[in-house]
Amino acid sequence: MYRKIFSLMLIFGLFSFEIKSDLLKAKKEKAVAVNKIYSPRKNVPNIYESSVVFKKAPQQVINENQFNSRGDYAYSLKPIKLESKSSSIPNDLLKSNQANSIDRLNSFIEDDLRVVIMGPGQKVMMSNGSFIVRFNDKKDKNIFRNDYNLILTQEFPDFVIFKANSFLGINNLLDQINNDLRINYLELNLLDPNIQKH
């Protein structure tokens, strides 16, 4: 009789062990799925919306204290004031024919570029307002573009490059996009001014 009871306990024990192992597998799968849903988003660096970028600017503009240079570019994180006496533009550049000098200086401004300072090393990069997005479902691409009034610049199998219509409010726009559940990746499409084209 002890044998029958022991046999029954052994069979019942193995059966309950099998059930418990199935439950453990199910719980493990749920934990992985929850982890994917709540993974933290990457921080997107801020674009200095009021910054000014010059390409191949005259050396006298670069030498002015307010401007820094990287490669072929000079930049200011603050907007320049052309009309005021406290102008950041050297006087000899504005002296002879002021309207002509301003036009000459404006010809060096890259109006479609703004400054981005990245990471703890404070690396200076340039942005034209474009960014790379990867969707959870590519079918959302056109609705997403219309929702944020974006310009589609390039499309690849795994990601899409969009461009904002304006730099005005671009950091708020990028924050909204970064929190949009339709995407799983967002990164600025940046130009490194230290890399020169040959």
N, C-alpha and C. Protein backbone atom coordinates (compact mmCIF):
# COMPACT_ATOMS: atom_id res chain seq x y z
N MET A 1 0.81 -1.18 0.00
CA MET A 1 0.00 0.00 0.00
C MET A 1 0.87 1.26 0.00
N TYR A 2 1.96 1.22 0.78
CA TYR A 2 2.89 2.36 0.77
C TYR A 2 3.46 2.57 -0.61
N ARG A 3 3.63 1.48 -1.34
CA ARG A 3 4.16 1.59 -2.69
C ARG A 3 3.20 2.35 -3.58
N LYS A 4 1.89 2.05 -3.47
CA LYS A 4 0.90 2.72 -4.31
C LYS A 4 0.82 4.22 -3.96
N ILE A 5 0.86 4.52 -2.69
CA ILE A 5 0.80 5.92 -2.27
C ILE A 5 2.05 6.65 -2.75
N PHE A 6 3.21 6.02 -2.60
CA PHE A 6 4.46 6.62 -3.06
C PHE A 6 4.44 6.83 -4.58
N SER A 7 3.91 5.85 -5.32
CA SER A 7 3.80 5.96 -6.78
C SER A 7 2.88 7.11 -7.15
N LEU A 8 1.75 7.21 -6.48
CA LEU A 8 0.81 8.30 -6.77
C LEU A 8 1.45 9.66 -6.46
N MET A 9 2.14 9.75 -5.34
CA MET A 9 2.80 11.01 -4.99
C MET A 9 3.88 11.37 -6.01
N LEU A 10 4.61 10.41 -6.48
CA LEU A 10 5.65 10.64 -7.48
C LEU A 10 5.03 11.13 -8.79
N ILE A 11 3.95 10.47 -9.23
CA ILE A 11 3.28 10.87 -10.47
C ILE A 11 2.68 12.27 -10.31
N PHE A 12 2.01 12.51 -9.20
CA PHE A 12 1.42 13.82 -8.95
C PHE A 12 2.50 14.91 -8.86
N GLY A 13 3.62 14.58 -8.22
CA GLY A 13 4.73 15.52 -8.11
C GLY A 13 5.31 15.88 -9.46
N LEU A 14 5.53 14.91 -10.31
CA LEU A 14 6.05 15.17 -11.66
C LEU A 14 5.06 15.99 -12.48
N PHE A 15 3.77 15.66 -12.35
CA PHE A 15 2.74 16.37 -13.10
C PHE A 15 2.69 17.83 -12.66
N SER A 16 2.72 18.08 -11.35
CA SER A 16 2.68 19.46 -10.86
C SER A 16 3.96 20.21 -11.22
N PHE A 17 5.11 19.55 -11.25
CA PHE A 17 6.36 20.18 -11.67
C PHE A 17 6.28 20.63 -13.12
N GLU A 18 5.65 19.81 -13.96
CA GLU A 18 5.50 20.16 -15.38
C GLU A 18 4.61 21.38 -15.52
N ILE A 19 3.53 21.45 -14.75
CA ILE A 19 2.63 22.61 -14.80
C ILE A 19 3.37 23.87 -14.34
N LYS A 20 4.12 23.76 -13.25
CA LYS A 20 4.85 24.92 -12.73
C LYS A 20 5.90 25.40 -13.72
N SER A 21 6.58 24.50 -14.40
CA SER A 21 7.59 24.91 -15.37
C SER A 21 6.93 25.63 -16.56
N ASP A 22 5.73 25.20 -16.96
CA ASP A 22 5.01 25.90 -18.04
C ASP A 22 4.64 27.31 -17.60
N LEU A 23 4.20 27.46 -16.36
CA LEU A 23 3.86 28.79 -15.85
C LEU A 23 5.08 29.69 -15.79
N LEU A 24 6.21 29.15 -15.41
CA LEU A 24 7.45 29.94 -15.36
C LEU A 24 7.84 30.43 -16.74
N LYS A 25 7.70 29.61 -17.75
CA LYS A 25 8.02 30.03 -19.12
C LYS A 25 7.11 31.16 -19.56
N ALA A 26 5.81 31.04 -19.23
CA ALA A 26 4.86 32.08 -19.62
C ALA A 26 5.21 33.40 -18.93
N LYS A 27 5.56 33.35 -17.65
CA LYS A 27 5.93 34.57 -16.94
C LYS A 27 7.19 35.18 -17.53
N LYS A 28 8.14 34.37 -17.90
CA LYS A 28 9.39 34.87 -18.47
C LYS A 28 9.13 35.60 -19.78
N GLU A 29 8.27 35.08 -20.64
CA GLU A 29 7.95 35.72 -21.91
C GLU A 29 7.27 37.07 -21.68
N LYS A 30 6.37 37.14 -20.70
CA LYS A 30 5.71 38.41 -20.41
C LYS A 30 6.72 39.47 -19.97
N ALA A 31 7.68 39.09 -19.16
CA ALA A 31 8.67 40.05 -18.67
C ALA A 31 9.48 40.63 -19.82
N VAL A 32 9.83 39.84 -20.80
CA VAL A 32 10.59 40.33 -21.95
C VAL A 32 9.75 41.30 -22.75
N ALA A 33 8.48 40.99 -22.98
CA ALA A 33 7.61 41.87 -23.76
C ALA A 33 7.42 43.21 -23.06
N VAL A 34 7.22 43.21 -21.75
CA VAL A 34 7.05 44.45 -21.01
C VAL A 34 8.33 45.28 -21.08
N ASN A 35 9.48 44.64 -21.00
CA ASN A 35 10.75 45.35 -21.08
C ASN A 35 10.89 46.07 -22.42
N LYS A 36 10.46 45.46 -23.52
CA LYS A 36 10.55 46.10 -24.83
C LYS A 36 9.63 47.31 -24.93
N ILE A 37 8.46 47.22 -24.34
CA ILE A 37 7.51 48.33 -24.42
C ILE A 37 8.01 49.55 -23.65
N TYR A 38 8.59 49.34 -22.48
CA TYR A 38 8.98 50.44 -21.62
C TYR A 38 10.45 50.81 -21.71
N SER A 39 11.13 50.44 -22.78
CA SER A 39 12.54 50.80 -22.88
C SER A 39 12.67 52.31 -23.00
N PRO A 40 13.64 52.91 -22.31
CA PRO A 40 13.77 54.37 -22.31
C PRO A 40 14.20 54.88 -23.69
N ARG A 41 13.73 56.08 -24.04
CA ARG A 41 14.07 56.70 -25.32
C ARG A 41 15.41 57.42 -25.20
N LYS A 42 16.11 57.48 -26.31
CA LYS A 42 17.38 58.18 -26.37
C LYS A 42 17.12 59.69 -26.35
N ASN A 43 17.91 60.43 -25.60
CA ASN A 43 17.77 61.88 -25.58
C ASN A 43 18.29 62.46 -26.89
N VAL A 44 17.55 63.41 -27.42
CA VAL A 44 17.94 64.09 -28.65
C VAL A 44 18.57 65.42 -28.26
N PRO A 45 19.79 65.72 -28.74
CA PRO A 45 20.43 66.99 -28.38
C PRO A 45 19.65 68.19 -28.92
N ASN A 46 19.75 69.32 -28.22
CA ASN A 46 19.05 70.53 -28.65
C ASN A 46 19.76 71.20 -29.80
N ILE A 47 18.95 71.78 -30.68
CA ILE A 47 19.45 72.59 -31.78
C ILE A 47 19.36 74.05 -31.32
N TYR A 48 20.43 74.80 -31.46
CA TYR A 48 20.40 76.22 -31.11
C TYR A 48 19.65 76.95 -32.22
N GLU A 49 18.36 77.20 -31.96
CA GLU A 49 17.47 77.74 -32.99
C GLU A 49 17.90 79.12 -33.49
N SER A 50 18.51 79.92 -32.63
CA SER A 50 18.91 81.29 -33.00
C SER A 50 20.34 81.38 -33.49
N SER A 51 21.03 80.25 -33.56
CA SER A 51 22.44 80.29 -33.97
C SER A 51 22.57 80.70 -35.43
N VAL A 52 23.76 81.18 -35.76
CA VAL A 52 24.06 81.61 -37.13
C VAL A 52 25.30 80.85 -37.58
N VAL A 53 25.25 80.32 -38.80
CA VAL A 53 26.36 79.55 -39.35
C VAL A 53 26.82 80.23 -40.64
N PHE A 54 28.14 80.45 -40.74
CA PHE A 54 28.76 81.02 -41.94
C PHE A 54 29.59 79.92 -42.60
N LYS A 55 29.57 79.89 -43.92
CA LYS A 55 30.45 78.96 -44.63
C LYS A 55 31.49 79.78 -45.39
N LYS A 56 32.75 79.39 -45.20
CA LYS A 56 33.88 80.07 -45.84
C LYS A 56 33.80 81.58 -45.65
N ALA A 57 33.56 81.97 -44.40
CA ALA A 57 33.45 83.39 -44.06
C ALA A 57 34.82 84.04 -44.09
N PRO A 58 34.88 85.37 -44.31
CA PRO A 58 36.16 86.07 -44.27
C PRO A 58 36.82 85.90 -42.90
N GLN A 59 38.11 85.84 -42.88
CA GLN A 59 38.86 85.62 -41.64
C GLN A 59 38.57 86.71 -40.61
N GLN A 60 38.31 87.94 -41.05
CA GLN A 60 38.02 89.01 -40.10
C GLN A 60 36.71 88.75 -39.35
N VAL A 61 35.77 88.05 -39.94
CA VAL A 61 34.53 87.69 -39.24
C VAL A 61 34.82 86.60 -38.22
N ILE A 62 35.60 85.62 -38.61
CA ILE A 62 35.93 84.51 -37.71
C ILE A 62 36.74 84.99 -36.52
N ASN A 63 37.65 85.94 -36.74
CA ASN A 63 38.51 86.43 -35.67
C ASN A 63 37.75 87.22 -34.61
N GLU A 64 36.58 87.74 -34.94
CA GLU A 64 35.77 88.48 -33.97
C GLU A 64 35.45 87.54 -32.81
N ASN A 65 35.50 88.03 -31.59
CA ASN A 65 35.34 87.19 -30.40
C ASN A 65 34.06 86.38 -30.35
N GLN A 66 33.00 86.89 -30.94
CA GLN A 66 31.70 86.22 -30.82
C GLN A 66 31.61 84.97 -31.71
N PHE A 67 32.49 84.85 -32.68
CA PHE A 67 32.40 83.74 -33.62
C PHE A 67 33.47 82.69 -33.35
N ASN A 68 33.09 81.46 -33.46
CA ASN A 68 34.01 80.34 -33.36
C ASN A 68 34.10 79.69 -34.73
N SER A 69 35.11 78.89 -34.95
CA SER A 69 35.20 78.23 -36.26
C SER A 69 35.48 76.74 -36.09
N ARG A 70 34.97 75.98 -37.04
CA ARG A 70 35.20 74.54 -37.16
C ARG A 70 35.26 74.23 -38.65
N GLY A 71 36.40 73.77 -39.11
CA GLY A 71 36.55 73.45 -40.53
C GLY A 71 36.27 74.66 -41.40
N ASP A 72 35.40 74.50 -42.40
CA ASP A 72 35.03 75.60 -43.30
C ASP A 72 33.95 76.50 -42.73
N TYR A 73 33.51 76.24 -41.52
CA TYR A 73 32.37 76.95 -40.95
C TYR A 73 32.78 77.82 -39.77
N ALA A 74 32.09 78.96 -39.64
CA ALA A 74 32.16 79.80 -38.46
C ALA A 74 30.74 79.88 -37.92
N TYR A 75 30.60 80.08 -36.61
CA TYR A 75 29.25 80.10 -36.06
C TYR A 75 29.17 81.00 -34.84
N SER A 76 27.95 81.41 -34.56
CA SER A 76 27.63 82.15 -33.34
C SER A 76 26.39 81.49 -32.75
N LEU A 77 26.39 81.27 -31.45
CA LEU A 77 25.22 80.68 -30.81
C LEU A 77 24.10 81.69 -30.63
N LYS A 78 24.45 82.98 -30.74
CA LYS A 78 23.47 84.06 -30.60
C LYS A 78 23.22 84.67 -31.98
N PRO A 79 22.03 85.22 -32.18
CA PRO A 79 21.78 85.90 -33.47
C PRO A 79 22.66 87.14 -33.59
N ILE A 80 23.04 87.48 -34.81
CA ILE A 80 23.85 88.68 -35.01
C ILE A 80 22.93 89.87 -35.25
N LYS A 81 23.39 91.05 -34.82
CA LYS A 81 22.61 92.28 -34.97
C LYS A 81 23.34 93.15 -35.97
N LEU A 82 22.75 93.34 -37.14
CA LEU A 82 23.43 94.09 -38.19
C LEU A 82 23.19 95.60 -38.09
N GLU A 83 22.08 96.01 -37.49
CA GLU A 83 21.74 97.43 -37.49
C GLU A 83 22.35 98.19 -36.31
N SER A 84 22.53 97.56 -35.18
CA SER A 84 22.90 98.29 -33.97
C SER A 84 24.39 98.65 -33.95
N LYS A 85 24.72 99.60 -33.08
CA LYS A 85 26.11 99.99 -32.92
C LYS A 85 26.90 98.90 -32.21
N SER A 86 26.19 98.07 -31.47
CA SER A 86 26.87 96.98 -30.78
C SER A 86 26.92 95.74 -31.67
N SER A 87 26.97 95.98 -32.96
CA SER A 87 27.01 94.88 -33.92
C SER A 87 28.24 94.01 -33.67
N SER A 88 28.06 92.75 -33.92
CA SER A 88 29.18 91.83 -33.75
C SER A 88 30.01 91.71 -35.02
N ILE A 89 29.67 92.48 -36.02
CA ILE A 89 30.39 92.44 -37.29
C ILE A 89 31.44 93.54 -37.29
N PRO A 90 32.66 93.22 -37.69
CA PRO A 90 33.73 94.22 -37.67
C PRO A 90 33.37 95.48 -38.45
N ASN A 91 33.79 96.63 -37.90
CA ASN A 91 33.44 97.92 -38.52
C ASN A 91 33.96 98.06 -39.94
N ASP A 92 35.17 97.61 -40.21
CA ASP A 92 35.71 97.80 -41.55
C ASP A 92 34.95 96.97 -42.59
N LEU A 93 34.23 95.95 -42.14
CA LEU A 93 33.41 95.17 -43.07
C LEU A 93 32.14 95.94 -43.41
N LEU A 94 31.67 96.79 -42.48
CA LEU A 94 30.44 97.54 -42.70
C LEU A 94 30.68 98.98 -43.16
N LYS A 95 31.94 99.49 -43.08
CA LYS A 95 32.23 100.91 -43.26
C LYS A 95 31.85 101.47 -44.62
N SER A 96 32.54 101.06 -45.68
CA SER A 96 32.48 101.78 -46.96
C SER A 96 31.05 101.88 -47.50
N ASN A 97 30.48 100.81 -47.86
CA ASN A 97 29.10 100.83 -48.35
C ASN A 97 28.34 99.82 -47.51
N GLN A 98 27.62 100.33 -46.50
CA GLN A 98 27.03 99.43 -45.50
C GLN A 98 26.09 98.41 -46.13
N ALA A 99 25.22 98.82 -47.03
CA ALA A 99 24.27 97.88 -47.63
C ALA A 99 25.02 96.80 -48.41
N ASN A 100 26.05 97.20 -49.14
CA ASN A 100 26.83 96.24 -49.91
C ASN A 100 27.57 95.27 -48.99
N SER A 101 28.10 95.79 -47.86
CA SER A 101 28.82 94.94 -46.92
C SER A 101 27.90 93.92 -46.26
N ILE A 102 26.70 94.38 -45.90
CA ILE A 102 25.73 93.46 -45.29
C ILE A 102 25.35 92.38 -46.28
N ASP A 103 25.13 92.76 -47.53
CA ASP A 103 24.82 91.75 -48.56
C ASP A 103 25.97 90.78 -48.71
N ARG A 104 27.20 91.30 -48.65
CA ARG A 104 28.38 90.45 -48.77
C ARG A 104 28.45 89.46 -47.60
N LEU A 105 28.20 89.95 -46.38
CA LEU A 105 28.22 89.07 -45.22
C LEU A 105 27.08 88.04 -45.29
N ASN A 106 25.90 88.50 -45.69
CA ASN A 106 24.76 87.58 -45.81
C ASN A 106 25.02 86.47 -46.81
N SER A 107 25.88 86.72 -47.78
CA SER A 107 26.17 85.69 -48.78
C SER A 107 26.93 84.51 -48.17
N PHE A 108 27.54 84.73 -47.00
CA PHE A 108 28.27 83.65 -46.33
C PHE A 108 27.40 82.87 -45.34
N ILE A 109 26.24 83.44 -44.97
CA ILE A 109 25.38 82.78 -43.99
C ILE A 109 24.71 81.57 -44.62
N GLU A 110 24.82 80.45 -43.93
CA GLU A 110 24.13 79.22 -44.33
C GLU A 110 22.81 79.21 -43.57
N ASP A 111 21.77 79.76 -44.20
CA ASP A 111 20.50 79.94 -43.50
C ASP A 111 19.81 78.61 -43.17
N ASP A 112 20.19 77.56 -43.85
CA ASP A 112 19.55 76.27 -43.58
C ASP A 112 20.34 75.43 -42.58
N LEU A 113 21.31 76.02 -41.88
CA LEU A 113 22.09 75.29 -40.88
C LEU A 113 22.00 75.98 -39.52
N ARG A 114 21.97 75.14 -38.47
CA ARG A 114 22.02 75.64 -37.10
C ARG A 114 23.02 74.78 -36.32
N VAL A 115 23.46 75.30 -35.19
CA VAL A 115 24.48 74.63 -34.37
C VAL A 115 23.82 73.65 -33.39
N VAL A 116 24.48 72.51 -33.21
CA VAL A 116 24.10 71.52 -32.21
C VAL A 116 25.37 71.20 -31.42
N ILE A 117 25.28 71.24 -30.09
CA ILE A 117 26.44 70.88 -29.27
C ILE A 117 26.11 69.57 -28.58
N MET A 118 26.99 68.57 -28.81
CA MET A 118 26.70 67.20 -28.41
C MET A 118 27.55 66.73 -27.24
N GLY A 119 26.90 66.09 -26.29
CA GLY A 119 27.57 65.33 -25.25
C GLY A 119 28.44 66.10 -24.30
N PRO A 120 29.04 65.37 -23.37
CA PRO A 120 29.89 66.01 -22.36
C PRO A 120 31.14 66.63 -22.96
N GLY A 121 31.58 66.14 -24.11
CA GLY A 121 32.76 66.71 -24.77
C GLY A 121 32.46 67.99 -25.52
N GLN A 122 31.17 68.40 -25.55
CA GLN A 122 30.75 69.64 -26.22
C GLN A 122 31.16 69.67 -27.68
N LYS A 123 30.99 68.57 -28.39
CA LYS A 123 31.33 68.50 -29.81
C LYS A 123 30.34 69.34 -30.62
N VAL A 124 30.86 70.21 -31.47
CA VAL A 124 30.03 71.09 -32.30
C VAL A 124 29.69 70.38 -33.60
N MET A 125 28.39 70.31 -33.89
CA MET A 125 27.89 69.73 -35.13
C MET A 125 26.91 70.74 -35.74
N MET A 126 26.53 70.50 -36.99
CA MET A 126 25.58 71.37 -37.68
C MET A 126 24.35 70.55 -38.07
N SER A 127 23.19 71.20 -38.01
CA SER A 127 21.93 70.54 -38.39
C SER A 127 21.22 71.36 -39.46
N ASN A 128 20.64 70.66 -40.42
CA ASN A 128 19.80 71.33 -41.41
C ASN A 128 18.33 71.09 -41.09
N GLY A 129 18.05 70.58 -39.90
CA GLY A 129 16.67 70.34 -39.48
C GLY A 129 16.15 68.97 -39.85
N SER A 130 17.05 68.09 -40.34
CA SER A 130 16.60 66.75 -40.71
C SER A 130 16.94 65.75 -39.61
N PHE A 131 16.19 64.66 -39.60
CA PHE A 131 16.38 63.64 -38.57
C PHE A 131 15.95 62.28 -39.11
N ILE A 132 16.50 61.25 -38.50
CA ILE A 132 16.29 59.86 -38.93
C ILE A 132 15.27 59.22 -38.00
N VAL A 133 14.28 58.53 -38.59
CA VAL A 133 13.22 57.89 -37.82
C VAL A 133 13.08 56.44 -38.28
N ARG A 134 12.90 55.54 -37.30
CA ARG A 134 12.55 54.15 -37.62
C ARG A 134 11.18 53.88 -37.00
N PHE A 135 10.28 53.34 -37.80
CA PHE A 135 8.91 53.10 -37.36
C PHE A 135 8.73 51.68 -36.83
N ASN A 136 7.77 51.54 -35.92
CA ASN A 136 7.36 50.20 -35.49
C ASN A 136 6.63 49.51 -36.64
N ASP A 137 5.83 50.30 -37.38
CA ASP A 137 5.09 49.80 -38.53
C ASP A 137 5.23 50.83 -39.64
N LYS A 138 5.84 50.47 -40.75
CA LYS A 138 6.13 51.44 -41.84
C LYS A 138 4.86 52.04 -42.43
N LYS A 139 3.71 51.40 -42.19
CA LYS A 139 2.45 51.93 -42.72
C LYS A 139 2.11 53.28 -42.10
N ASP A 140 2.69 53.59 -40.95
CA ASP A 140 2.42 54.85 -40.25
C ASP A 140 3.15 56.04 -40.86
N LYS A 141 4.04 55.82 -41.81
CA LYS A 141 4.93 56.87 -42.33
C LYS A 141 4.18 58.09 -42.86
N ASN A 142 3.20 57.91 -43.72
CA ASN A 142 2.51 59.06 -44.33
C ASN A 142 1.64 59.81 -43.33
N ILE A 143 0.95 59.09 -42.47
CA ILE A 143 0.14 59.75 -41.44
C ILE A 143 1.05 60.53 -40.50
N PHE A 144 2.16 59.93 -40.13
CA PHE A 144 3.15 60.57 -39.25
C PHE A 144 3.66 61.86 -39.89
N ARG A 145 4.02 61.80 -41.16
CA ARG A 145 4.51 62.99 -41.88
C ARG A 145 3.47 64.10 -41.87
N ASN A 146 2.21 63.75 -42.13
CA ASN A 146 1.14 64.75 -42.13
C ASN A 146 0.86 65.29 -40.73
N ASP A 147 0.92 64.43 -39.71
CA ASP A 147 0.66 64.87 -38.33
C ASP A 147 1.64 65.96 -37.89
N TYR A 148 2.89 65.86 -38.31
CA TYR A 148 3.91 66.80 -37.87
C TYR A 148 4.32 67.79 -38.97
N ASN A 149 3.65 67.74 -40.12
CA ASN A 149 3.94 68.64 -41.24
C ASN A 149 5.42 68.61 -41.62
N LEU A 150 5.91 67.41 -41.93
CA LEU A 150 7.32 67.19 -42.23
C LEU A 150 7.56 67.02 -43.72
N ILE A 151 8.81 67.21 -44.12
CA ILE A 151 9.23 66.97 -45.50
C ILE A 151 10.00 65.65 -45.52
N LEU A 152 9.57 64.73 -46.35
CA LEU A 152 10.28 63.46 -46.49
C LEU A 152 11.45 63.69 -47.45
N THR A 153 12.68 63.48 -46.98
CA THR A 153 13.85 63.74 -47.82
C THR A 153 14.44 62.46 -48.42
N GLN A 154 14.45 61.37 -47.64
CA GLN A 154 14.98 60.10 -48.14
C GLN A 154 14.29 58.96 -47.43
N GLU A 155 14.15 57.85 -48.16
CA GLU A 155 13.53 56.67 -47.58
C GLU A 155 14.44 55.47 -47.82
N PHE A 156 14.67 54.71 -46.77
CA PHE A 156 15.49 53.51 -46.82
C PHE A 156 14.65 52.34 -46.32
N PRO A 157 15.10 51.10 -46.54
CA PRO A 157 14.30 49.96 -46.08
C PRO A 157 13.99 49.97 -44.58
N ASP A 158 14.94 50.39 -43.74
CA ASP A 158 14.73 50.32 -42.30
C ASP A 158 14.40 51.66 -41.64
N PHE A 159 14.63 52.77 -42.31
CA PHE A 159 14.38 54.07 -41.69
C PHE A 159 14.06 55.11 -42.75
N VAL A 160 13.58 56.27 -42.27
CA VAL A 160 13.18 57.38 -43.13
C VAL A 160 13.84 58.66 -42.60
N ILE A 161 14.27 59.52 -43.51
CA ILE A 161 14.82 60.82 -43.11
C ILE A 161 13.79 61.89 -43.43
N PHE A 162 13.36 62.61 -42.38
CA PHE A 162 12.43 63.72 -42.52
C PHE A 162 13.16 65.02 -42.23
N LYS A 163 12.56 66.13 -42.67
CA LYS A 163 13.10 67.45 -42.36
C LYS A 163 11.96 68.32 -41.87
N ALA A 164 12.24 69.10 -40.83
CA ALA A 164 11.25 70.05 -40.31
C ALA A 164 11.12 71.21 -41.30
N ASN A 165 9.94 71.81 -41.35
CA ASN A 165 9.71 72.94 -42.25
C ASN A 165 10.41 74.21 -41.81
N SER A 166 10.73 74.29 -40.52
CA SER A 166 11.34 75.50 -39.98
C SER A 166 12.14 75.14 -38.74
N PHE A 167 13.10 76.00 -38.40
CA PHE A 167 13.84 75.81 -37.15
C PHE A 167 13.07 76.36 -35.96
N LEU A 168 12.08 77.19 -36.21
CA LEU A 168 11.29 77.79 -35.14
C LEU A 168 10.51 76.69 -34.41
N GLY A 169 10.83 76.46 -33.15
CA GLY A 169 10.15 75.44 -32.34
C GLY A 169 10.59 74.02 -32.63
N ILE A 170 11.74 73.85 -33.29
CA ILE A 170 12.16 72.49 -33.69
C ILE A 170 12.45 71.59 -32.49
N ASN A 171 12.95 72.14 -31.39
CA ASN A 171 13.24 71.29 -30.22
C ASN A 171 11.97 70.73 -29.60
N ASN A 172 10.90 71.54 -29.56
CA ASN A 172 9.61 71.03 -29.07
C ASN A 172 9.07 69.96 -30.00
N LEU A 173 9.20 70.19 -31.30
CA LEU A 173 8.76 69.20 -32.29
C LEU A 173 9.50 67.88 -32.10
N LEU A 174 10.80 67.94 -31.92
CA LEU A 174 11.59 66.72 -31.73
C LEU A 174 11.23 65.99 -30.44
N ASP A 175 10.91 66.74 -29.38
CA ASP A 175 10.46 66.11 -28.13
C ASP A 175 9.15 65.36 -28.34
N GLN A 176 8.23 65.98 -29.07
CA GLN A 176 6.95 65.32 -29.36
C GLN A 176 7.17 64.06 -30.19
N ILE A 177 8.00 64.16 -31.21
CA ILE A 177 8.27 63.01 -32.07
C ILE A 177 8.96 61.90 -31.29
N ASN A 178 9.88 62.26 -30.42
CA ASN A 178 10.62 61.27 -29.63
C ASN A 178 9.68 60.48 -28.71
N ASN A 179 8.57 61.09 -28.30
CA ASN A 179 7.61 60.42 -27.42
C ASN A 179 6.46 59.75 -28.19
N ASP A 180 6.48 59.84 -29.51
CA ASP A 180 5.44 59.22 -30.34
C ASP A 180 5.63 57.69 -30.33
N LEU A 181 4.59 56.96 -29.98
CA LEU A 181 4.68 55.50 -29.86
C LEU A 181 4.78 54.79 -31.22
N ARG A 182 4.58 55.52 -32.31
CA ARG A 182 4.69 54.90 -33.63
C ARG A 182 6.13 54.68 -34.06
N ILE A 183 7.07 55.33 -33.37
CA ILE A 183 8.48 55.18 -33.74
C ILE A 183 9.24 54.48 -32.62
N ASN A 184 10.36 53.86 -33.00
CA ASN A 184 11.22 53.24 -31.98
C ASN A 184 12.65 53.75 -32.05
N TYR A 185 12.91 54.77 -32.91
CA TYR A 185 14.26 55.32 -33.03
C TYR A 185 14.16 56.72 -33.63
N LEU A 186 14.91 57.66 -33.03
CA LEU A 186 15.00 59.03 -33.54
C LEU A 186 16.41 59.53 -33.30
N GLU A 187 17.01 60.09 -34.34
CA GLU A 187 18.35 60.67 -34.22
C GLU A 187 18.48 61.82 -35.20
N LEU A 188 19.15 62.88 -34.77
CA LEU A 188 19.40 64.00 -35.68
C LEU A 188 20.35 63.57 -36.80
N ASN A 189 20.10 64.06 -37.99
CA ASN A 189 20.96 63.82 -39.14
C ASN A 189 21.92 65.01 -39.19
N LEU A 190 23.14 64.83 -38.70
CA LEU A 190 24.05 65.94 -38.48
C LEU A 190 25.21 65.99 -39.45
N LEU A 191 25.75 67.19 -39.62
CA LEU A 191 26.94 67.43 -40.43
C LEU A 191 28.09 67.74 -39.48
N ASP A 192 29.19 67.04 -39.66
CA ASP A 192 30.37 67.30 -38.86
C ASP A 192 31.21 68.35 -39.59
N PRO A 193 31.33 69.56 -39.06
CA PRO A 193 32.06 70.62 -39.75
C PRO A 193 33.56 70.36 -39.85
N ASN A 194 34.07 69.44 -39.05
CA ASN A 194 35.50 69.15 -39.09
C ASN A 194 35.88 68.24 -40.26
N ILE A 195 34.91 67.60 -40.88
CA ILE A 195 35.16 66.74 -42.03
C ILE A 195 35.01 67.57 -43.29
N GLN A 196 36.05 67.70 -44.04
CA GLN A 196 36.02 68.52 -45.25
C GLN A 196 35.83 67.64 -46.48
N LYS A 197 34.97 68.13 -47.41
CA LYS A 197 34.76 67.41 -48.66
C LYS A 197 35.92 67.70 -49.60
N HIS A 198 36.32 66.68 -50.32
CA HIS A 198 37.42 66.88 -51.30
C HIS A 198 36.88 66.83 -52.70
